[in-house]
């Protein structure tokens, strides 16, 4: 059984039709005086109505992320960890709820190239499917490279490239962003666009509020075909905007409540591919959607994470 799993993984590597870019962990450890080692959140939305229908579905999402940084030298930190994602919903009217899961391994490093320039590089092998029959189509390989140019201790700029072998074809995302901390250290802004944006404002030393944006494109293999459809897969495309309130206890444990809205969210099923995917653009896209969209909705998310503070002042 283990031999077959290894063989399947190697075959999936050979199947990727574009150059694999080493994945970059988007949060550079030295861009700030802390690192979030473990994160967990749970989100649930009320009834989401399908287009041209009175039928609705609930949507539940669970996400987990942990990172293990190991300092090798002043110029190199090894990064490892894993990401867990699970979505449960009905993706078509009159269909039972389906559970889809993504489990991603993070392997990479943060390298300091000179006084101002550094980069984080990480490889991301992933299993992404309904987990009913793990095979070649359930495995994806992706990566990102994110460079950081430090202007001052409180300001840096970021640029890079993310790519992944999605089930619909190769997917590439150019990345630009910045990190800013004001003099009072009450306002902190982190932007890694178009993937994420976060602005924190400290009401008190242990209470923060702010605004968060998260954009995602993910694909999941569905091993249970409908009728005669083969190679059915689900594409999640989401743009979620939240306001949040966070409370931190001295041990580094943080509790966060988020309330927001999904914008242009979709969970679409296909069984065909495109030549290349980029944000808002798919080249040679002749796919026909084989399910129905459901509406956007208000979002309530509860999160907990452990933050390791490294500020020695």
Protein backbone atom coordinates (compact mmCIF):
# COMPACT_ATOMS: atom_id res chain seq x y z
CA UNK A 1 0.00 0.00 0.00
CA UNK A 2 2.81 2.42 0.93
CA UNK A 3 4.65 1.55 -2.31
CA UNK A 4 1.55 2.36 -4.38
CA UNK A 5 1.16 5.72 -2.62
CA UNK A 6 4.80 6.61 -3.38
CA UNK A 7 4.42 5.52 -6.99
CA UNK A 8 1.26 7.62 -7.37
CA UNK A 9 3.03 10.65 -5.93
CA UNK A 10 6.00 10.30 -8.31
CA UNK A 11 3.67 9.92 -11.30
CA UNK A 12 1.81 13.08 -10.30
CA UNK A 13 5.10 15.00 -10.26
CA UNK A 14 5.81 13.89 -13.82
CA UNK A 15 2.32 14.87 -14.90
CA UNK A 16 2.73 18.56 -14.04
CA UNK A 17 2.97 20.36 -17.42
CA UNK A 18 4.68 23.52 -16.24
CA UNK A 19 7.81 24.38 -14.28
CA UNK A 20 7.25 23.94 -10.56
CA UNK A 21 8.01 27.13 -8.67
CA UNK A 22 9.29 26.64 -5.13
CA UNK A 23 6.54 27.72 -2.71
CA UNK A 24 7.11 30.74 -0.49
CA UNK A 25 5.62 30.95 2.94
CA UNK A 26 3.86 34.32 2.66
CA UNK A 27 4.69 35.59 6.15
CA UNK A 28 8.40 36.27 6.58
CA UNK A 29 9.51 35.58 10.13
CA UNK A 30 11.76 38.63 10.31
CA UNK A 31 9.21 41.03 8.80
CA UNK A 32 7.75 41.41 12.27
CA UNK A 33 8.61 40.60 15.88
CA UNK A 34 6.38 37.52 16.08
CA UNK A 35 5.39 34.35 14.24
CA UNK A 36 2.04 32.54 14.39
CA UNK A 37 2.93 28.90 15.02
CA UNK A 38 -0.55 27.36 15.15
CA UNK A 39 -3.82 28.71 13.71
CA UNK A 40 -7.32 27.24 13.69
CA UNK A 41 -10.66 28.70 12.59
CA UNK A 42 -14.24 27.57 12.10
CA UNK A 43 -16.73 29.35 9.81
CA UNK A 44 -20.38 28.65 9.15
CA UNK A 45 -22.84 30.55 6.98
CA UNK A 46 -26.64 30.45 7.15
CA UNK A 47 -28.80 29.20 4.29
CA UNK A 48 -27.24 29.92 0.89
CA UNK A 49 -29.87 29.88 -1.87
CA UNK A 50 -29.08 28.32 -5.24
CA UNK A 51 -29.60 30.46 -8.35
CA UNK A 52 -33.14 30.33 -9.78
CA UNK A 53 -34.24 28.09 -6.94
CA UNK A 54 -35.73 28.19 -3.45
CA UNK A 55 -33.44 25.34 -2.36
CA UNK A 56 -30.60 26.33 -0.06
CA UNK A 57 -27.56 24.84 1.66
CA UNK A 58 -25.48 25.59 4.70
CA UNK A 59 -21.72 25.98 4.31
CA UNK A 60 -19.16 24.94 6.91
CA UNK A 61 -15.41 25.51 6.68
CA UNK A 62 -12.64 24.39 9.05
CA UNK A 63 -9.04 25.54 8.58
CA UNK A 64 -5.85 24.70 10.43
CA UNK A 65 -2.26 25.81 9.89
CA UNK A 66 0.91 25.11 11.81
CA UNK A 67 4.47 26.20 11.13
CA UNK A 68 7.76 24.94 12.59
CA UNK A 69 10.65 27.41 12.03
CA UNK A 70 14.16 26.07 12.77
CA UNK A 71 16.99 28.61 12.81
CA UNK A 72 20.02 27.20 10.99
CA UNK A 73 22.14 30.38 10.98
CA UNK A 74 21.79 34.18 11.02
CA UNK A 75 21.02 34.02 7.30
CA UNK A 76 18.87 30.90 7.06
CA UNK A 77 15.73 29.58 8.76
CA UNK A 78 14.21 26.23 7.76
CA UNK A 79 10.40 26.22 7.58
CA UNK A 80 8.08 23.24 7.74
CA UNK A 81 4.48 22.58 8.69
CA UNK A 82 1.08 21.72 7.28
CA UNK A 83 -2.22 23.28 6.23
CA UNK A 84 -5.61 21.61 6.70
CA UNK A 85 -8.82 22.73 4.94
CA UNK A 86 -12.27 21.13 5.04
CA UNK A 87 -15.52 22.29 3.41
CA UNK A 88 -18.95 20.71 3.88
CA UNK A 89 -21.93 21.81 1.76
CA UNK A 90 -24.36 20.71 -0.91
CA UNK A 91 -22.84 21.82 -4.21
CA UNK A 92 -25.95 21.26 -6.33
CA UNK A 93 -29.72 21.41 -5.57
CA UNK A 94 -31.17 18.15 -4.24
CA UNK A 95 -27.68 16.71 -3.72
CA UNK A 96 -26.62 15.54 -0.26
CA UNK A 97 -23.91 17.40 1.58
CA UNK A 98 -20.39 16.55 0.43
CA UNK A 99 -17.15 16.92 2.37
CA UNK A 100 -13.96 18.00 0.58
CA UNK A 101 -10.54 18.29 2.18
CA UNK A 102 -7.12 19.72 1.40
CA UNK A 103 -3.99 18.67 3.29
CA UNK A 104 -0.80 20.53 2.35
CA UNK A 105 2.77 19.90 3.48
CA UNK A 106 5.02 22.97 3.80
CA UNK A 107 8.76 22.55 3.21
CA UNK A 108 11.08 25.47 2.60
CA UNK A 109 13.41 28.11 3.95
CA UNK A 110 13.79 31.81 4.61
CA UNK A 111 17.12 33.15 3.29
CA UNK A 112 18.69 36.53 4.04
CA UNK A 113 20.54 37.53 0.86
CA UNK A 114 21.92 40.86 2.10
CA UNK A 115 21.12 43.66 4.55
CA UNK A 116 17.88 44.63 2.78
CA UNK A 117 16.84 41.71 0.58
CA UNK A 118 15.55 38.34 1.79
CA UNK A 119 13.32 35.62 0.41
CA UNK A 120 11.21 32.72 1.60
CA UNK A 121 11.00 29.61 -0.59
CA UNK A 122 8.71 26.67 0.06
CA UNK A 123 7.48 23.57 -1.74
CA UNK A 124 3.82 22.55 -1.25
CA UNK A 125 2.72 19.01 -2.10
CA UNK A 126 -1.01 18.68 -1.51
CA UNK A 127 -3.77 16.08 -1.33
CA UNK A 128 -7.02 17.80 -2.34
CA UNK A 129 -10.24 15.80 -2.83
CA UNK A 130 -13.25 14.19 -1.19
CA UNK A 131 -10.77 11.67 0.26
CA UNK A 132 -12.84 8.70 -0.89
CA UNK A 133 -10.13 7.13 -3.02
CA UNK A 134 -6.67 8.72 -2.91
CA UNK A 135 -5.12 8.46 -6.37
CA UNK A 136 -3.11 10.49 -8.88
CA UNK A 137 -5.81 13.10 -9.52
CA UNK A 138 -6.01 13.87 -5.79
CA UNK A 139 -2.40 15.12 -5.61
CA UNK A 140 -1.23 18.61 -6.56
CA UNK A 141 2.19 20.28 -6.50
CA UNK A 142 2.58 24.02 -6.14
CA UNK A 143 4.81 26.74 -4.89
CA UNK A 144 5.48 30.39 -4.33
CA UNK A 145 8.52 32.67 -4.17
CA UNK A 146 8.17 35.88 -2.16
CA UNK A 147 11.01 38.39 -1.92
CA UNK A 148 11.15 41.05 0.77
CA UNK A 149 12.94 44.41 0.48
CA UNK A 150 13.41 46.11 3.85
CA UNK A 151 13.16 49.89 3.70
CA UNK A 152 13.13 50.49 7.47
CA UNK A 153 12.45 48.42 10.58
CA UNK A 154 8.78 49.39 10.23
CA UNK A 155 8.34 49.21 6.45
CA UNK A 156 9.14 46.60 3.84
CA UNK A 157 7.92 45.72 0.35
CA UNK A 158 7.13 42.28 -1.06
CA UNK A 159 6.97 40.81 -4.56
CA UNK A 160 6.84 37.29 -5.87
CA UNK A 161 4.97 34.58 -7.73
CA UNK A 162 2.64 31.78 -6.67
CA UNK A 163 1.84 28.76 -8.84
CA UNK A 164 0.03 25.45 -8.45
CA UNK A 165 -0.95 22.51 -10.62
CA UNK A 166 -4.69 22.82 -10.13
CA UNK A 167 -7.13 20.29 -11.54
CA UNK A 168 -8.27 22.82 -14.14
CA UNK A 169 -4.66 23.34 -15.28
CA UNK A 170 -1.61 25.43 -14.26
CA UNK A 171 -2.51 28.44 -12.09
CA UNK A 172 -0.13 31.42 -11.65
CA UNK A 173 -0.53 34.46 -9.38
CA UNK A 174 1.88 37.45 -9.40
CA UNK A 175 2.19 38.87 -5.88
CA UNK A 176 2.88 42.40 -4.64
CA UNK A 177 2.59 43.71 -1.11
CA UNK A 178 4.04 45.53 1.87
CA UNK A 179 4.29 45.51 5.66
CA UNK A 180 3.88 48.68 7.75
CA UNK A 181 3.99 49.37 11.49
CA UNK A 182 3.42 52.94 12.72
CA UNK A 183 5.59 54.64 15.35
CA UNK A 184 3.17 54.00 18.21
CA UNK A 185 2.96 50.30 17.16
CA UNK A 186 -0.83 50.53 17.35
CA UNK A 187 -1.43 50.22 13.59
CA UNK A 188 -0.06 47.23 11.68
CA UNK A 189 -0.81 46.58 8.00
CA UNK A 190 0.16 43.44 6.06
CA UNK A 191 -0.69 43.14 2.35
CA UNK A 192 0.11 40.19 0.10
CA UNK A 193 -2.12 41.00 -2.86
CA UNK A 194 -4.23 39.55 -4.39
CA UNK A 195 -4.13 36.81 -1.73
CA UNK A 196 -4.62 38.67 1.54
CA UNK A 197 -4.81 42.01 3.34
CA UNK A 198 -4.87 42.61 7.08
CA UNK A 199 -5.01 45.86 9.07
CA UNK A 200 -4.81 45.69 12.89
CA UNK A 201 -5.42 48.55 15.31
CA UNK A 202 -4.62 48.11 19.02
CA UNK A 203 -7.42 49.41 21.25
CA UNK A 204 -5.41 48.15 24.21
CA UNK A 205 -2.18 46.16 24.36
CA UNK A 206 -4.13 42.88 24.33
CA UNK A 207 -7.26 43.90 22.36
CA UNK A 208 -7.19 44.60 18.63
CA UNK A 209 -9.71 45.27 15.92
CA UNK A 210 -9.37 45.70 12.19
CA UNK A 211 -10.14 44.59 8.66
CA UNK A 212 -9.18 41.38 6.89
CA UNK A 213 -9.44 40.26 3.25
CA UNK A 214 -8.73 36.76 1.96
CA UNK A 215 -8.90 35.67 -1.68
CA UNK A 216 -8.57 32.02 -2.69
CA UNK A 217 -8.76 29.70 -5.66
CA UNK A 218 -8.64 25.99 -4.81
CA UNK A 219 -9.60 22.83 -6.71
CA UNK A 220 -10.66 19.47 -5.27
CA UNK A 221 -11.01 16.14 -7.02
CA UNK A 222 -14.43 14.48 -6.69
CA UNK A 223 -14.18 10.70 -6.84
CA UNK A 224 -17.95 10.10 -6.98
CA UNK A 225 -19.11 11.05 -10.48
CA UNK A 226 -22.63 12.20 -11.29
CA UNK A 227 -24.17 9.89 -13.93
CA UNK A 228 -21.50 9.40 -16.65
CA UNK A 229 -19.30 12.39 -15.81
CA UNK A 230 -15.64 11.47 -15.34
CA UNK A 231 -12.86 13.51 -13.72
CA UNK A 232 -15.31 15.77 -11.93
CA UNK A 233 -13.65 18.44 -9.79
CA UNK A 234 -14.77 21.40 -7.69
CA UNK A 235 -13.23 24.87 -7.94
CA UNK A 236 -13.58 27.14 -4.92
CA UNK A 237 -13.22 30.85 -5.74
CA UNK A 238 -13.76 33.21 -2.83
CA UNK A 239 -13.21 36.82 -1.82
CA UNK A 240 -14.07 37.26 1.84
CA UNK A 241 -13.97 40.57 3.72
CA UNK A 242 -14.12 40.59 7.53
CA UNK A 243 -14.02 42.96 10.45
CA UNK A 244 -12.64 41.34 13.58
CA UNK A 245 -12.08 41.67 17.30
CA UNK A 246 -9.10 39.89 18.86
CA UNK A 247 -8.18 39.21 22.48
CA UNK A 248 -4.70 38.04 23.47
CA UNK A 249 -3.66 36.52 26.77
CA UNK A 250 -0.08 36.81 27.99
CA UNK A 251 0.85 33.26 27.09
CA UNK A 252 0.54 34.13 23.38
CA UNK A 253 -2.87 32.53 22.89
CA UNK A 254 -5.23 34.67 20.77
CA UNK A 255 -8.99 34.44 20.34
CA UNK A 256 -10.58 36.18 17.35
CA UNK A 257 -14.16 36.72 16.22
CA UNK A 258 -14.72 37.71 12.58
CA UNK A 259 -17.86 38.99 10.92
CA UNK A 260 -17.98 39.72 7.21
CA UNK A 261 -19.32 39.09 3.75
CA UNK A 262 -18.41 36.88 0.81
CA UNK A 263 -18.10 38.72 -2.52
CA UNK A 264 -18.38 36.84 -5.82
CA UNK A 265 -17.96 33.48 -4.11
CA UNK A 266 -18.44 30.30 -6.15
CA UNK A 267 -18.08 26.54 -5.82
CA UNK A 268 -18.23 25.30 -9.42
CA UNK A 269 -17.87 21.80 -10.83
CA UNK A 270 -16.23 20.96 -14.16
CA UNK A 271 -14.67 17.99 -15.93
CA UNK A 272 -12.56 19.88 -18.50
CA UNK A 273 -9.34 21.92 -18.31
CA UNK A 274 -8.00 25.32 -19.39
CA UNK A 275 -4.61 26.19 -20.89
CA UNK A 276 -3.62 28.56 -18.06
CA UNK A 277 -5.31 30.22 -15.11
CA UNK A 278 -4.53 33.60 -13.55
CA UNK A 279 -6.56 35.83 -11.19
CA UNK A 280 -9.81 36.78 -12.97
CA UNK A 281 -8.54 35.22 -16.23
CA UNK A 282 -8.58 31.72 -17.70
CA UNK A 283 -7.00 31.15 -21.11
CA UNK A 284 -8.65 28.82 -23.62
CA UNK A 285 -11.52 28.24 -21.22
CA UNK A 286 -14.18 26.10 -22.91
CA UNK A 287 -15.44 24.46 -19.75
CA UNK A 288 -19.14 23.95 -19.10
CA UNK A 289 -20.26 24.25 -15.48
CA UNK A 290 -22.07 21.09 -14.36
CA UNK A 291 -23.64 22.37 -11.15
CA UNK A 292 -25.47 25.51 -9.98
CA UNK A 293 -24.07 28.49 -8.07
CA UNK A 294 -25.43 29.50 -4.71
CA UNK A 295 -25.62 33.02 -3.34
CA UNK A 296 -23.08 35.05 -1.42
CA UNK A 297 -23.80 35.42 2.28
CA UNK A 298 -22.78 36.93 5.58
CA UNK A 299 -19.95 35.11 7.32
CA UNK A 300 -19.22 34.38 10.96
CA UNK A 301 -15.80 32.95 11.76
CA UNK A 302 -14.28 32.02 15.11
CA UNK A 303 -10.54 31.61 15.35
CA UNK A 304 -7.82 30.73 17.80
CA UNK A 305 -4.06 30.89 17.27
CA UNK A 306 -0.79 30.77 19.18
CA UNK A 307 1.60 33.66 18.54
CA UNK A 308 5.27 33.45 19.54
CA UNK A 309 6.45 36.96 20.39
CA UNK A 310 10.13 37.65 19.70
CA UNK A 311 10.32 41.31 20.71
CA UNK A 312 13.04 41.51 23.33
CA UNK A 313 12.43 45.17 24.15
